[in-house]
Amino acid sequence: MAVRTVFGFIFFAISVFADAAPAATLSEDGGNYSDIWAAPTVVASGTTTVTGGNALGADRTDVLQFTGLRPGASAITFDFAVAGNYRSGDYANGGGTLYYSFVPFTGGYYITPSSAATAAQERLYNSTFGVTYDPWDAANPASQGTSRFTLALGDTFAGSLFVALDTTYGNVSYAISGLTYPSSAPPDSPSPVPLSAGGLFMLMGLTGLAAIGIRRRRS
């Protein structure tokens, strides 16, 4: 009975750790995201963080598609920061517009929407973002070169989100986090830690030692 108990505990621990997947981050290191509204970059299910950056010019817009997100109420965070080549003592800023919708984008007219009716038909929402780094106003939190926007998703959210970040001035980097999926652990639950190969062998060794000890006591 004791041996079976030890083995049961070991196999339970292995199953819990084996199912845990490390956090996945998508970045632009492999190439720029799409700037085509009707053909966004598809963010793979399971991605927990997306990082990127835009500057006024050829690479001013990133268009992203999120599918398979956890339905219902949640919050997705957009953290912005001043980017580019500037010295720490120099004033710098940047900003633009964050567009989002729960249905696919169909065109590139969102930068200057053709009409309020079109925006309503697309269920298009937007929020401006801006960052300022001002070394002469360093005590002001708004002058630290960072800002945050939190997108609160309601109970009716179905799991698909389309996002476009359009930089209209300066050079801005961003990080999107808070992405959760149906298989994700609840935000208040501790995240499981993946079990390494060394840890697996250690558990197997402990199991063997426990079995040997039990046999010796019986003899």
N, C-alpha and C. Protein backbone atom coordinates (compact mmCIF):
# COMPACT_ATOMS: atom_id res chain seq x y z
N MET A 1 0.83 -1.21 0.00
CA MET A 1 0.00 0.00 0.00
C MET A 1 0.87 1.26 0.00
N ALA A 2 1.93 1.24 0.85
CA ALA A 2 2.80 2.42 0.92
C ALA A 2 3.50 2.67 -0.40
N VAL A 3 3.94 1.58 -1.08
CA VAL A 3 4.61 1.74 -2.37
C VAL A 3 3.64 2.35 -3.38
N ARG A 4 2.40 1.85 -3.40
CA ARG A 4 1.42 2.39 -4.34
C ARG A 4 1.15 3.86 -4.04
N THR A 5 1.14 4.23 -2.76
CA THR A 5 0.91 5.63 -2.39
C THR A 5 2.03 6.52 -2.92
N VAL A 6 3.28 6.06 -2.76
CA VAL A 6 4.42 6.83 -3.25
C VAL A 6 4.34 7.00 -4.76
N PHE A 7 4.08 5.87 -5.46
CA PHE A 7 3.99 5.94 -6.92
C PHE A 7 2.84 6.85 -7.35
N GLY A 8 1.72 6.76 -6.64
CA GLY A 8 0.58 7.61 -7.00
C GLY A 8 0.91 9.07 -6.89
N PHE A 9 1.62 9.45 -5.82
CA PHE A 9 2.01 10.85 -5.65
C PHE A 9 2.96 11.30 -6.76
N ILE A 10 3.93 10.45 -7.09
CA ILE A 10 4.91 10.80 -8.12
C ILE A 10 4.23 11.00 -9.46
N PHE A 11 3.36 10.06 -9.84
CA PHE A 11 2.70 10.18 -11.14
C PHE A 11 1.77 11.39 -11.18
N PHE A 12 1.13 11.71 -10.05
CA PHE A 12 0.29 12.91 -10.01
C PHE A 12 1.12 14.16 -10.23
N ALA A 13 2.27 14.23 -9.55
CA ALA A 13 3.14 15.40 -9.70
C ALA A 13 3.64 15.53 -11.13
N ILE A 14 4.01 14.40 -11.74
CA ILE A 14 4.51 14.44 -13.11
C ILE A 14 3.42 14.93 -14.06
N SER A 15 2.19 14.44 -13.87
CA SER A 15 1.11 14.83 -14.77
C SER A 15 0.80 16.31 -14.67
N VAL A 16 0.85 16.85 -13.44
CA VAL A 16 0.58 18.28 -13.25
C VAL A 16 1.64 19.12 -13.93
N PHE A 17 2.92 18.78 -13.71
CA PHE A 17 4.01 19.57 -14.27
C PHE A 17 4.12 19.39 -15.77
N ALA A 18 3.85 18.21 -16.27
CA ALA A 18 4.00 17.96 -17.70
C ALA A 18 2.99 18.74 -18.51
N ASP A 19 1.79 18.99 -17.94
CA ASP A 19 0.76 19.72 -18.66
C ASP A 19 1.02 21.21 -18.69
N ALA A 20 1.94 21.70 -17.88
CA ALA A 20 2.22 23.12 -17.81
C ALA A 20 3.09 23.54 -18.98
N ALA A 21 2.68 24.61 -19.66
CA ALA A 21 3.45 25.12 -20.79
C ALA A 21 4.07 26.46 -20.41
N PRO A 22 5.32 26.71 -20.76
CA PRO A 22 5.94 27.98 -20.42
C PRO A 22 5.28 29.12 -21.19
N ALA A 23 5.35 30.32 -20.62
CA ALA A 23 4.76 31.48 -21.29
C ALA A 23 5.42 31.70 -22.63
N ALA A 24 4.59 32.05 -23.64
CA ALA A 24 5.09 32.25 -25.00
C ALA A 24 4.99 33.72 -25.36
N THR A 25 6.06 34.27 -25.91
CA THR A 25 6.09 35.67 -26.33
C THR A 25 6.32 35.75 -27.83
N LEU A 26 5.52 36.59 -28.49
CA LEU A 26 5.67 36.86 -29.92
C LEU A 26 6.29 38.23 -30.08
N SER A 27 7.38 38.32 -30.87
CA SER A 27 8.04 39.61 -31.09
C SER A 27 8.27 39.81 -32.58
N GLU A 28 8.73 41.00 -32.92
CA GLU A 28 9.00 41.33 -34.32
C GLU A 28 10.43 40.97 -34.72
N ASP A 29 11.13 40.20 -33.90
CA ASP A 29 12.50 39.83 -34.23
C ASP A 29 12.58 39.08 -35.56
N GLY A 30 11.54 38.32 -35.87
CA GLY A 30 11.54 37.55 -37.11
C GLY A 30 11.00 38.32 -38.30
N GLY A 31 10.64 39.58 -38.12
CA GLY A 31 10.09 40.38 -39.22
C GLY A 31 8.92 41.22 -38.73
N ASN A 32 8.60 42.28 -39.46
CA ASN A 32 7.54 43.18 -39.05
C ASN A 32 6.18 42.51 -39.12
N TYR A 33 5.27 42.95 -38.24
CA TYR A 33 3.89 42.48 -38.31
C TYR A 33 3.21 43.09 -39.53
N SER A 34 2.09 42.52 -39.89
CA SER A 34 1.34 43.01 -41.05
C SER A 34 0.84 44.43 -40.80
N ASP A 35 0.82 45.23 -41.86
CA ASP A 35 0.19 46.55 -41.80
C ASP A 35 -1.04 46.59 -42.71
N ILE A 36 -1.51 45.41 -43.10
CA ILE A 36 -2.67 45.31 -43.98
C ILE A 36 -3.90 45.01 -43.12
N TRP A 37 -4.85 45.90 -43.14
CA TRP A 37 -6.00 45.78 -42.25
C TRP A 37 -6.80 44.50 -42.49
N ALA A 38 -6.95 44.12 -43.74
CA ALA A 38 -7.75 42.95 -44.07
C ALA A 38 -6.95 41.65 -43.99
N ALA A 39 -5.65 41.72 -43.71
CA ALA A 39 -4.80 40.52 -43.60
C ALA A 39 -3.85 40.69 -42.42
N PRO A 40 -4.39 40.64 -41.19
CA PRO A 40 -3.56 40.88 -40.01
C PRO A 40 -2.61 39.73 -39.72
N THR A 41 -1.60 40.00 -38.90
CA THR A 41 -0.74 38.94 -38.37
C THR A 41 -1.55 38.15 -37.35
N VAL A 42 -1.64 36.84 -37.53
CA VAL A 42 -2.42 35.99 -36.63
C VAL A 42 -1.54 35.57 -35.46
N VAL A 43 -1.97 35.91 -34.26
CA VAL A 43 -1.24 35.55 -33.04
C VAL A 43 -1.68 34.16 -32.62
N ALA A 44 -0.74 33.24 -32.53
CA ALA A 44 -1.07 31.85 -32.24
C ALA A 44 -1.69 31.71 -30.86
N SER A 45 -2.65 30.80 -30.75
CA SER A 45 -3.27 30.51 -29.46
C SER A 45 -2.20 30.03 -28.48
N GLY A 46 -2.26 30.52 -27.26
CA GLY A 46 -1.26 30.18 -26.25
C GLY A 46 -0.22 31.26 -26.05
N THR A 47 -0.16 32.23 -26.97
CA THR A 47 0.77 33.34 -26.83
C THR A 47 0.29 34.24 -25.69
N THR A 48 1.13 34.50 -24.73
CA THR A 48 0.73 35.29 -23.57
C THR A 48 1.17 36.74 -23.64
N THR A 49 2.19 37.05 -24.45
CA THR A 49 2.69 38.41 -24.57
C THR A 49 3.08 38.69 -26.02
N VAL A 50 2.75 39.87 -26.50
CA VAL A 50 3.13 40.31 -27.84
C VAL A 50 3.89 41.62 -27.71
N THR A 51 5.09 41.69 -28.28
CA THR A 51 5.87 42.92 -28.23
C THR A 51 6.14 43.41 -29.64
N GLY A 52 6.28 44.72 -29.79
CA GLY A 52 6.56 45.30 -31.10
C GLY A 52 6.89 46.77 -30.96
N GLY A 53 6.96 47.43 -32.11
CA GLY A 53 7.26 48.85 -32.10
C GLY A 53 6.97 49.47 -33.45
N ASN A 54 6.59 50.74 -33.43
CA ASN A 54 6.25 51.46 -34.65
C ASN A 54 6.87 52.86 -34.60
N ALA A 55 7.02 53.42 -35.78
CA ALA A 55 7.48 54.80 -35.90
C ALA A 55 6.77 55.44 -37.08
N LEU A 56 6.55 56.73 -37.00
CA LEU A 56 5.91 57.42 -38.09
C LEU A 56 6.74 57.25 -39.36
N GLY A 57 6.12 56.72 -40.41
CA GLY A 57 6.82 56.43 -41.64
C GLY A 57 6.33 55.13 -42.24
N ALA A 58 7.25 54.35 -42.81
CA ALA A 58 6.87 53.13 -43.50
C ALA A 58 6.34 52.07 -42.55
N ASP A 59 6.80 52.05 -41.30
CA ASP A 59 6.40 51.02 -40.33
C ASP A 59 5.59 51.66 -39.22
N ARG A 60 4.50 52.30 -39.58
CA ARG A 60 3.72 53.04 -38.60
C ARG A 60 2.57 52.24 -38.01
N THR A 61 2.15 51.14 -38.66
CA THR A 61 0.95 50.42 -38.25
C THR A 61 1.21 48.93 -38.11
N ASP A 62 0.74 48.35 -37.02
CA ASP A 62 0.74 46.90 -36.82
C ASP A 62 -0.70 46.45 -36.67
N VAL A 63 -1.06 45.41 -37.41
CA VAL A 63 -2.44 44.89 -37.38
C VAL A 63 -2.37 43.43 -36.91
N LEU A 64 -3.07 43.12 -35.83
CA LEU A 64 -2.98 41.81 -35.20
C LEU A 64 -4.35 41.17 -35.03
N GLN A 65 -4.37 39.86 -35.10
CA GLN A 65 -5.60 39.09 -34.89
C GLN A 65 -5.39 38.08 -33.76
N PHE A 66 -6.26 38.15 -32.75
CA PHE A 66 -6.23 37.21 -31.63
C PHE A 66 -7.49 36.35 -31.68
N THR A 67 -7.33 35.05 -31.71
CA THR A 67 -8.48 34.15 -31.68
C THR A 67 -8.25 33.07 -30.64
N GLY A 68 -9.33 32.49 -30.17
CA GLY A 68 -9.23 31.44 -29.17
C GLY A 68 -8.96 31.95 -27.76
N LEU A 69 -9.14 33.27 -27.54
CA LEU A 69 -8.96 33.80 -26.20
C LEU A 69 -10.09 33.32 -25.28
N ARG A 70 -9.85 33.42 -23.99
CA ARG A 70 -10.86 32.99 -23.02
C ARG A 70 -12.10 33.88 -23.15
N PRO A 71 -13.26 33.29 -23.43
CA PRO A 71 -14.48 34.11 -23.51
C PRO A 71 -14.84 34.68 -22.15
N GLY A 72 -15.62 35.77 -22.19
CA GLY A 72 -16.06 36.39 -20.96
C GLY A 72 -15.18 37.54 -20.52
N ALA A 73 -15.44 38.02 -19.32
CA ALA A 73 -14.75 39.21 -18.81
C ALA A 73 -13.28 38.95 -18.52
N SER A 74 -12.44 39.86 -18.97
CA SER A 74 -11.01 39.82 -18.66
C SER A 74 -10.42 41.18 -19.00
N ALA A 75 -9.14 41.35 -18.79
CA ALA A 75 -8.48 42.63 -19.08
C ALA A 75 -7.17 42.38 -19.81
N ILE A 76 -6.97 43.06 -20.93
CA ILE A 76 -5.74 42.97 -21.70
C ILE A 76 -5.00 44.30 -21.55
N THR A 77 -3.71 44.22 -21.27
CA THR A 77 -2.93 45.41 -20.98
C THR A 77 -2.01 45.77 -22.14
N PHE A 78 -1.98 47.04 -22.48
CA PHE A 78 -1.08 47.58 -23.51
C PHE A 78 -0.12 48.55 -22.81
N ASP A 79 1.16 48.19 -22.75
CA ASP A 79 2.18 49.06 -22.17
C ASP A 79 2.99 49.70 -23.29
N PHE A 80 3.09 51.01 -23.26
CA PHE A 80 3.80 51.76 -24.29
C PHE A 80 5.04 52.43 -23.70
N ALA A 81 6.07 52.60 -24.54
CA ALA A 81 7.29 53.26 -24.08
C ALA A 81 7.94 53.99 -25.25
N VAL A 82 8.63 55.08 -24.94
CA VAL A 82 9.41 55.79 -25.96
C VAL A 82 10.51 54.87 -26.47
N ALA A 83 10.69 54.81 -27.76
CA ALA A 83 11.70 53.96 -28.36
C ALA A 83 12.55 54.78 -29.32
N GLY A 84 13.52 54.10 -29.95
CA GLY A 84 14.35 54.79 -30.92
C GLY A 84 15.67 55.25 -30.34
N ASN A 85 16.44 55.92 -31.16
CA ASN A 85 17.77 56.39 -30.75
C ASN A 85 17.67 57.82 -30.20
N TYR A 86 17.65 57.91 -28.89
CA TYR A 86 17.67 59.23 -28.27
C TYR A 86 18.49 59.14 -27.00
N ARG A 87 19.12 60.23 -26.65
CA ARG A 87 19.96 60.26 -25.45
C ARG A 87 19.10 60.48 -24.21
N SER A 88 19.57 59.95 -23.07
CA SER A 88 18.78 59.99 -21.85
C SER A 88 18.45 61.41 -21.41
N GLY A 89 19.24 62.36 -21.83
CA GLY A 89 18.98 63.74 -21.43
C GLY A 89 18.12 64.52 -22.40
N ASP A 90 17.67 63.87 -23.47
CA ASP A 90 16.88 64.54 -24.50
C ASP A 90 15.38 64.34 -24.28
N TYR A 91 14.61 65.33 -24.68
CA TYR A 91 13.16 65.21 -24.68
C TYR A 91 12.74 64.33 -25.85
N ALA A 92 11.79 63.42 -25.61
CA ALA A 92 11.30 62.54 -26.69
C ALA A 92 9.86 62.18 -26.40
N ASN A 93 9.09 61.97 -27.46
CA ASN A 93 7.71 61.55 -27.28
C ASN A 93 7.23 60.75 -28.49
N GLY A 94 6.07 60.19 -28.38
CA GLY A 94 5.47 59.42 -29.47
C GLY A 94 4.06 59.05 -29.09
N GLY A 95 3.28 58.63 -30.07
CA GLY A 95 1.91 58.25 -29.78
C GLY A 95 1.13 57.96 -31.04
N GLY A 96 -0.14 57.68 -30.86
CA GLY A 96 -0.99 57.37 -32.01
C GLY A 96 -2.35 56.89 -31.54
N THR A 97 -2.93 55.99 -32.32
CA THR A 97 -4.27 55.51 -32.06
C THR A 97 -4.29 53.98 -32.01
N LEU A 98 -4.96 53.45 -31.01
CA LEU A 98 -5.19 52.01 -30.89
C LEU A 98 -6.62 51.73 -31.32
N TYR A 99 -6.76 50.97 -32.41
CA TYR A 99 -8.08 50.56 -32.89
C TYR A 99 -8.31 49.11 -32.50
N TYR A 100 -9.53 48.77 -32.16
CA TYR A 100 -9.83 47.36 -31.89
C TYR A 100 -11.29 47.07 -32.25
N SER A 101 -11.51 45.81 -32.59
CA SER A 101 -12.84 45.37 -32.99
C SER A 101 -12.98 43.90 -32.64
N PHE A 102 -14.22 43.43 -32.57
CA PHE A 102 -14.48 42.02 -32.29
C PHE A 102 -14.89 41.27 -33.54
N VAL A 103 -14.85 41.95 -34.67
CA VAL A 103 -15.07 41.35 -35.99
C VAL A 103 -13.90 41.75 -36.87
N PRO A 104 -13.60 41.00 -37.93
CA PRO A 104 -12.43 41.32 -38.76
C PRO A 104 -12.49 42.72 -39.37
N PHE A 105 -11.34 43.36 -39.47
CA PHE A 105 -11.23 44.60 -40.22
C PHE A 105 -11.42 44.28 -41.71
N THR A 106 -11.95 45.24 -42.46
CA THR A 106 -12.19 44.98 -43.89
C THR A 106 -11.46 45.95 -44.81
N GLY A 107 -10.82 46.97 -44.28
CA GLY A 107 -10.14 47.91 -45.16
C GLY A 107 -9.13 48.74 -44.42
N GLY A 108 -8.45 49.65 -45.13
CA GLY A 108 -7.42 50.48 -44.54
C GLY A 108 -7.87 51.89 -44.28
N TYR A 109 -9.18 52.08 -44.19
CA TYR A 109 -9.69 53.43 -44.05
C TYR A 109 -9.84 53.85 -42.59
N TYR A 110 -9.41 53.01 -41.65
CA TYR A 110 -9.66 53.32 -40.25
C TYR A 110 -8.81 54.48 -39.74
N ILE A 111 -7.69 54.73 -40.40
CA ILE A 111 -6.84 55.85 -39.97
C ILE A 111 -7.63 57.16 -40.07
N THR A 112 -8.44 57.28 -41.10
CA THR A 112 -9.40 58.38 -41.22
C THR A 112 -10.74 57.76 -41.61
N PRO A 113 -11.54 57.33 -40.63
CA PRO A 113 -12.81 56.65 -40.96
C PRO A 113 -13.66 57.48 -41.90
N SER A 114 -14.24 56.80 -42.90
CA SER A 114 -15.00 57.52 -43.91
C SER A 114 -16.29 58.10 -43.36
N SER A 115 -16.84 57.45 -42.33
CA SER A 115 -18.07 57.97 -41.74
C SER A 115 -18.33 57.29 -40.41
N ALA A 116 -19.13 57.93 -39.58
CA ALA A 116 -19.49 57.33 -38.30
C ALA A 116 -20.30 56.05 -38.52
N ALA A 117 -21.08 56.02 -39.61
CA ALA A 117 -21.89 54.84 -39.89
C ALA A 117 -21.01 53.63 -40.20
N THR A 118 -19.92 53.87 -40.94
CA THR A 118 -18.99 52.78 -41.26
C THR A 118 -18.36 52.24 -39.98
N ALA A 119 -17.93 53.13 -39.10
CA ALA A 119 -17.31 52.70 -37.85
C ALA A 119 -18.29 51.90 -37.01
N ALA A 120 -19.55 52.31 -37.00
CA ALA A 120 -20.56 51.59 -36.23
C ALA A 120 -20.82 50.22 -36.84
N GLN A 121 -20.84 50.13 -38.16
CA GLN A 121 -21.06 48.86 -38.82
C GLN A 121 -19.94 47.87 -38.52
N GLU A 122 -18.72 48.37 -38.46
CA GLU A 122 -17.57 47.52 -38.18
C GLU A 122 -17.41 47.26 -36.68
N ARG A 123 -18.24 47.89 -35.86
CA ARG A 123 -18.09 47.82 -34.41
C ARG A 123 -16.65 48.18 -34.03
N LEU A 124 -16.21 49.28 -34.60
CA LEU A 124 -14.82 49.72 -34.43
C LEU A 124 -14.70 50.65 -33.22
N TYR A 125 -13.73 50.37 -32.37
CA TYR A 125 -13.48 51.19 -31.20
C TYR A 125 -12.04 51.73 -31.28
N ASN A 126 -11.79 52.83 -30.62
CA ASN A 126 -10.42 53.35 -30.65
C ASN A 126 -10.10 54.10 -29.36
N SER A 127 -8.80 54.19 -29.09
CA SER A 127 -8.30 54.94 -27.95
C SER A 127 -6.93 55.48 -28.34
N THR A 128 -6.65 56.70 -27.97
CA THR A 128 -5.33 57.26 -28.27
C THR A 128 -4.32 56.82 -27.21
N PHE A 129 -3.06 56.74 -27.61
CA PHE A 129 -1.98 56.45 -26.67
C PHE A 129 -0.84 57.43 -26.91
N GLY A 130 -0.12 57.73 -25.87
CA GLY A 130 0.99 58.65 -26.00
C GLY A 130 2.00 58.46 -24.89
N VAL A 131 3.26 58.70 -25.19
CA VAL A 131 4.34 58.60 -24.22
C VAL A 131 5.23 59.82 -24.34
N THR A 132 5.71 60.29 -23.21
CA THR A 132 6.57 61.48 -23.18
C THR A 132 7.72 61.25 -22.21
N TYR A 133 8.92 61.50 -22.67
CA TYR A 133 10.09 61.49 -21.79
C TYR A 133 10.61 62.91 -21.71
N ASP A 134 10.52 63.48 -20.52
CA ASP A 134 10.95 64.87 -20.31
C ASP A 134 11.93 64.91 -19.15
N PRO A 135 13.24 65.01 -19.42
CA PRO A 135 14.23 65.01 -18.33
C PRO A 135 14.14 66.23 -17.43
N TRP A 136 13.48 67.29 -17.87
CA TRP A 136 13.34 68.49 -17.06
C TRP A 136 12.09 68.44 -16.18
N ASP A 137 11.34 67.36 -16.29
CA ASP A 137 10.14 67.18 -15.47
C ASP A 137 10.12 65.75 -14.95
N ALA A 138 11.30 65.29 -14.49
CA ALA A 138 11.49 63.89 -14.15
C ALA A 138 10.61 63.42 -13.00
N ALA A 139 10.17 64.33 -12.13
CA ALA A 139 9.36 63.92 -10.98
C ALA A 139 7.92 63.63 -11.38
N ASN A 140 7.53 64.02 -12.56
CA ASN A 140 6.16 63.82 -13.04
C ASN A 140 6.03 62.41 -13.63
N PRO A 141 5.14 61.56 -13.10
CA PRO A 141 4.99 60.21 -13.65
C PRO A 141 4.65 60.20 -15.13
N ALA A 142 3.98 61.25 -15.60
CA ALA A 142 3.60 61.31 -17.00
C ALA A 142 4.77 61.64 -17.91
N SER A 143 5.93 61.95 -17.32
CA SER A 143 7.10 62.32 -18.11
C SER A 143 8.18 61.25 -18.09
N GLN A 144 7.83 60.04 -17.67
CA GLN A 144 8.81 58.96 -17.55
C GLN A 144 9.00 58.17 -18.84
N GLY A 145 8.25 58.51 -19.87
CA GLY A 145 8.42 57.83 -21.15
C GLY A 145 7.61 56.55 -21.30
N THR A 146 6.66 56.32 -20.39
CA THR A 146 5.83 55.12 -20.47
C THR A 146 4.37 55.49 -20.23
N SER A 147 3.47 54.62 -20.69
CA SER A 147 2.05 54.78 -20.41
C SER A 147 1.38 53.42 -20.55
N ARG A 148 0.17 53.32 -20.06
CA ARG A 148 -0.55 52.04 -20.09
C ARG A 148 -2.01 52.25 -20.44
N PHE A 149 -2.53 51.35 -21.25
CA PHE A 149 -3.96 51.32 -21.57
C PHE A 149 -4.46 49.92 -21.25
N THR A 150 -5.57 49.82 -20.52
CA THR A 150 -6.15 48.53 -20.18
C THR A 150 -7.47 48.38 -20.91
N LEU A 151 -7.56 47.33 -21.72
CA LEU A 151 -8.78 47.04 -22.46
C LEU A 151 -9.61 46.05 -21.64
N ALA A 152 -10.73 46.52 -21.11
CA ALA A 152 -11.60 45.68 -20.31
C ALA A 152 -12.62 44.99 -21.22
N LEU A 153 -12.55 43.68 -21.26
CA LEU A 153 -13.48 42.89 -22.06
C LEU A 153 -14.65 42.46 -21.19
N GLY A 154 -15.85 42.59 -21.71
CA GLY A 154 -17.04 42.30 -20.93
C GLY A 154 -17.44 40.84 -20.95
N ASP A 155 -18.52 40.54 -20.25
CA ASP A 155 -19.00 39.17 -20.15
C ASP A 155 -19.40 38.59 -21.49
N THR A 156 -19.74 39.44 -22.46
CA THR A 156 -20.20 38.97 -23.77
C THR A 156 -19.06 38.71 -24.75
N PHE A 157 -17.81 38.96 -24.32
CA PHE A 157 -16.68 38.73 -25.22
C PHE A 157 -16.64 37.27 -25.65
N ALA A 158 -16.52 37.04 -26.98
CA ALA A 158 -16.62 35.68 -27.52
C ALA A 158 -15.28 35.00 -27.77
N GLY A 159 -14.15 35.74 -27.66
CA GLY A 159 -12.85 35.10 -27.81
C GLY A 159 -12.02 35.58 -28.98
N SER A 160 -12.57 36.44 -29.85
CA SER A 160 -11.83 36.95 -31.01
C SER A 160 -11.66 38.46 -30.88
N LEU A 161 -10.43 38.93 -31.12
CA LEU A 161 -10.12 40.35 -31.00
C LEU A 161 -9.18 40.75 -32.12
N PHE A 162 -9.48 41.89 -32.74
CA PHE A 162 -8.66 42.43 -33.83
C PHE A 162 -8.14 43.79 -33.39
N VAL A 163 -6.82 43.97 -33.50
CA VAL A 163 -6.16 45.16 -32.96
C VAL A 163 -5.28 45.79 -34.04
N ALA A 164 -5.30 47.12 -34.10
CA ALA A 164 -4.39 47.86 -34.97
C ALA A 164 -3.78 49.00 -34.17
N LEU A 165 -2.45 49.06 -34.16
CA LEU A 165 -1.74 50.14 -33.48
C LEU A 165 -1.13 51.04 -34.55
N ASP A 166 -1.61 52.27 -34.60
CA ASP A 166 -1.19 53.21 -35.63
C ASP A 166 -0.44 54.37 -34.99
N THR A 167 0.88 54.42 -35.22
CA THR A 167 1.71 55.48 -34.64
C THR A 167 1.66 56.70 -35.56
N THR A 168 1.22 57.81 -35.02
CA THR A 168 1.08 59.03 -35.82
C THR A 168 2.17 60.06 -35.54
N TYR A 169 2.98 59.83 -34.49
CA TYR A 169 4.14 60.71 -34.26
C TYR A 169 5.13 60.00 -33.36
N GLY A 170 6.40 60.27 -33.57
CA GLY A 170 7.45 59.70 -32.73
C GLY A 170 7.72 58.23 -33.00
N ASN A 171 8.37 57.60 -32.04
CA ASN A 171 8.78 56.20 -32.13
C ASN A 171 8.36 55.52 -30.82
N VAL A 172 7.51 54.50 -30.93
CA VAL A 172 6.91 53.89 -29.74
C VAL A 172 7.05 52.37 -29.79
N SER A 173 7.43 51.79 -28.66
CA SER A 173 7.41 50.33 -28.52
C SER A 173 6.21 49.96 -27.63
N TYR A 174 5.79 48.71 -27.74
CA TYR A 174 4.63 48.30 -26.95
C TYR A 174 4.76 46.84 -26.54
N ALA A 175 4.02 46.49 -25.49
CA ALA A 175 3.92 45.10 -25.03
C ALA A 175 2.47 44.85 -24.66
N ILE A 176 1.89 43.82 -25.26
CA ILE A 176 0.51 43.44 -24.98
C ILE A 176 0.53 42.20 -24.09
N SER A 177 -0.11 42.27 -22.94
CA SER A 177 -0.10 41.15 -22.00
C SER A 177 -1.50 40.96 -21.42
N GLY A 178 -1.62 39.92 -20.58
CA GLY A 178 -2.93 39.61 -20.02
C GLY A 178 -3.75 38.72 -20.92
N LEU A 179 -3.11 38.12 -21.95
CA LEU A 179 -3.82 37.24 -22.87
C LEU A 179 -4.05 35.89 -22.19
N THR A 180 -5.29 35.47 -22.08
CA THR A 180 -5.60 34.20 -21.45
C THR A 180 -6.44 33.34 -22.39
N TYR A 181 -6.38 32.05 -22.17
CA TYR A 181 -7.05 31.08 -23.03
C TYR A 181 -7.86 30.11 -22.17
N PRO A 182 -8.80 29.40 -22.78
CA PRO A 182 -9.65 28.49 -21.98
C PRO A 182 -8.88 27.52 -21.11
N SER A 183 -7.66 27.11 -21.54
CA SER A 183 -6.87 26.16 -20.76
C SER A 183 -5.92 26.85 -19.80
N SER A 184 -5.92 28.20 -19.78
CA SER A 184 -5.01 28.93 -18.90
C SER A 184 -5.47 28.83 -17.46
N ALA A 185 -4.52 28.91 -16.55
CA ALA A 185 -4.86 28.94 -15.13
C ALA A 185 -5.52 30.27 -14.81
N PRO A 186 -6.51 30.29 -13.89
CA PRO A 186 -7.12 31.56 -13.50
C PRO A 186 -6.07 32.52 -12.99
N PRO A 187 -6.29 33.85 -13.19
CA PRO A 187 -5.28 34.84 -12.82
C PRO A 187 -4.82 34.74 -11.37
N ASP A 188 -5.71 34.33 -10.43
CA ASP A 188 -5.35 34.28 -9.03
C ASP A 188 -4.70 32.96 -8.63
N SER A 189 -4.62 32.01 -9.57
CA SER A 189 -4.03 30.72 -9.25
C SER A 189 -2.54 30.74 -9.50
N PRO A 190 -1.74 30.05 -8.68
CA PRO A 190 -0.30 30.00 -8.94
C PRO A 190 -0.03 29.25 -10.22
N SER A 191 0.91 29.72 -11.00
CA SER A 191 1.24 29.09 -12.27
C SER A 191 2.10 27.87 -12.02
N PRO A 192 1.76 26.73 -12.63
CA PRO A 192 2.60 25.55 -12.46
C PRO A 192 3.95 25.75 -13.11
N VAL A 193 4.97 25.09 -12.58
CA VAL A 193 6.33 25.21 -13.10
C VAL A 193 6.66 23.95 -13.88
N PRO A 194 7.09 24.07 -15.14
CA PRO A 194 7.43 22.88 -15.93
C PRO A 194 8.51 22.06 -15.24
N LEU A 195 8.38 20.75 -15.33
CA LEU A 195 9.33 19.84 -14.70
C LEU A 195 10.47 19.55 -15.66
N SER A 196 11.69 19.78 -15.21
CA SER A 196 12.85 19.51 -16.05
C SER A 196 13.15 18.02 -16.07
N ALA A 197 14.01 17.62 -17.01
CA ALA A 197 14.40 16.22 -17.08
C ALA A 197 15.11 15.79 -15.81
N GLY A 198 15.95 16.69 -15.26
CA GLY A 198 16.63 16.36 -14.01
C GLY A 198 15.67 16.14 -12.87
N GLY A 199 14.61 16.97 -12.83
CA GLY A 199 13.62 16.80 -11.78
C GLY A 199 12.87 15.49 -11.91
N LEU A 200 12.59 15.09 -13.16
CA LEU A 200 11.91 13.82 -13.38
C LEU A 200 12.76 12.65 -12.88
N PHE A 201 14.04 12.66 -13.21
CA PHE A 201 14.91 11.57 -12.75
C PHE A 201 15.04 11.58 -11.23
N MET A 202 15.04 12.75 -10.63
CA MET A 202 15.13 12.82 -9.18
C MET A 202 13.90 12.18 -8.54
N LEU A 203 12.71 12.47 -9.11
CA LEU A 203 11.50 11.86 -8.58
C LEU A 203 11.53 10.35 -8.73
N MET A 204 12.03 9.86 -9.86
CA MET A 204 12.13 8.42 -10.07
C MET A 204 13.09 7.80 -9.05
N GLY A 205 14.20 8.50 -8.77
CA GLY A 205 15.16 7.99 -7.80
C GLY A 205 14.56 7.93 -6.41
N LEU A 206 13.81 8.96 -6.03
CA LEU A 206 13.17 8.97 -4.72
C LEU A 206 12.17 7.83 -4.59
N THR A 207 11.46 7.57 -5.72
CA THR A 207 10.49 6.46 -5.70
C THR A 207 11.21 5.14 -5.43
N GLY A 208 12.36 4.93 -6.10
CA GLY A 208 13.11 3.69 -5.92
C GLY A 208 13.62 3.55 -4.50
N LEU A 209 14.13 4.64 -3.93
CA LEU A 209 14.63 4.59 -2.56
C LEU A 209 13.52 4.30 -1.56
N ALA A 210 12.35 4.88 -1.81
CA ALA A 210 11.22 4.63 -0.92
C ALA A 210 10.82 3.17 -0.96
N ALA A 211 10.82 2.58 -2.16
CA ALA A 211 10.44 1.18 -2.29
C ALA A 211 11.44 0.27 -1.59
N ILE A 212 12.74 0.58 -1.73
CA ILE A 212 13.79 -0.23 -1.07
C ILE A 212 13.65 -0.16 0.44
N GLY A 213 13.38 1.04 0.95
CA GLY A 213 13.24 1.19 2.38
C GLY A 213 12.07 0.40 2.95
N ILE A 214 10.97 0.41 2.20
CA ILE A 214 9.79 -0.34 2.64
C ILE A 214 10.06 -1.82 2.66
N ARG A 215 10.74 -2.33 1.62
CA ARG A 215 11.05 -3.77 1.57
C ARG A 215 11.95 -4.19 2.73
N ARG A 216 12.94 -3.32 3.09
CA ARG A 216 13.85 -3.66 4.19
C ARG A 216 13.09 -3.74 5.51
N ARG A 217 12.14 -2.82 5.72
CA ARG A 217 11.39 -2.85 6.96
C ARG A 217 10.54 -4.11 7.06
N ARG A 218 10.01 -4.54 5.92
CA ARG A 218 9.18 -5.74 5.91
C ARG A 218 10.01 -7.00 6.20
N SER A 219 11.29 -7.00 5.72
CA SER A 219 12.16 -8.17 5.93
C SER A 219 12.74 -8.16 7.35
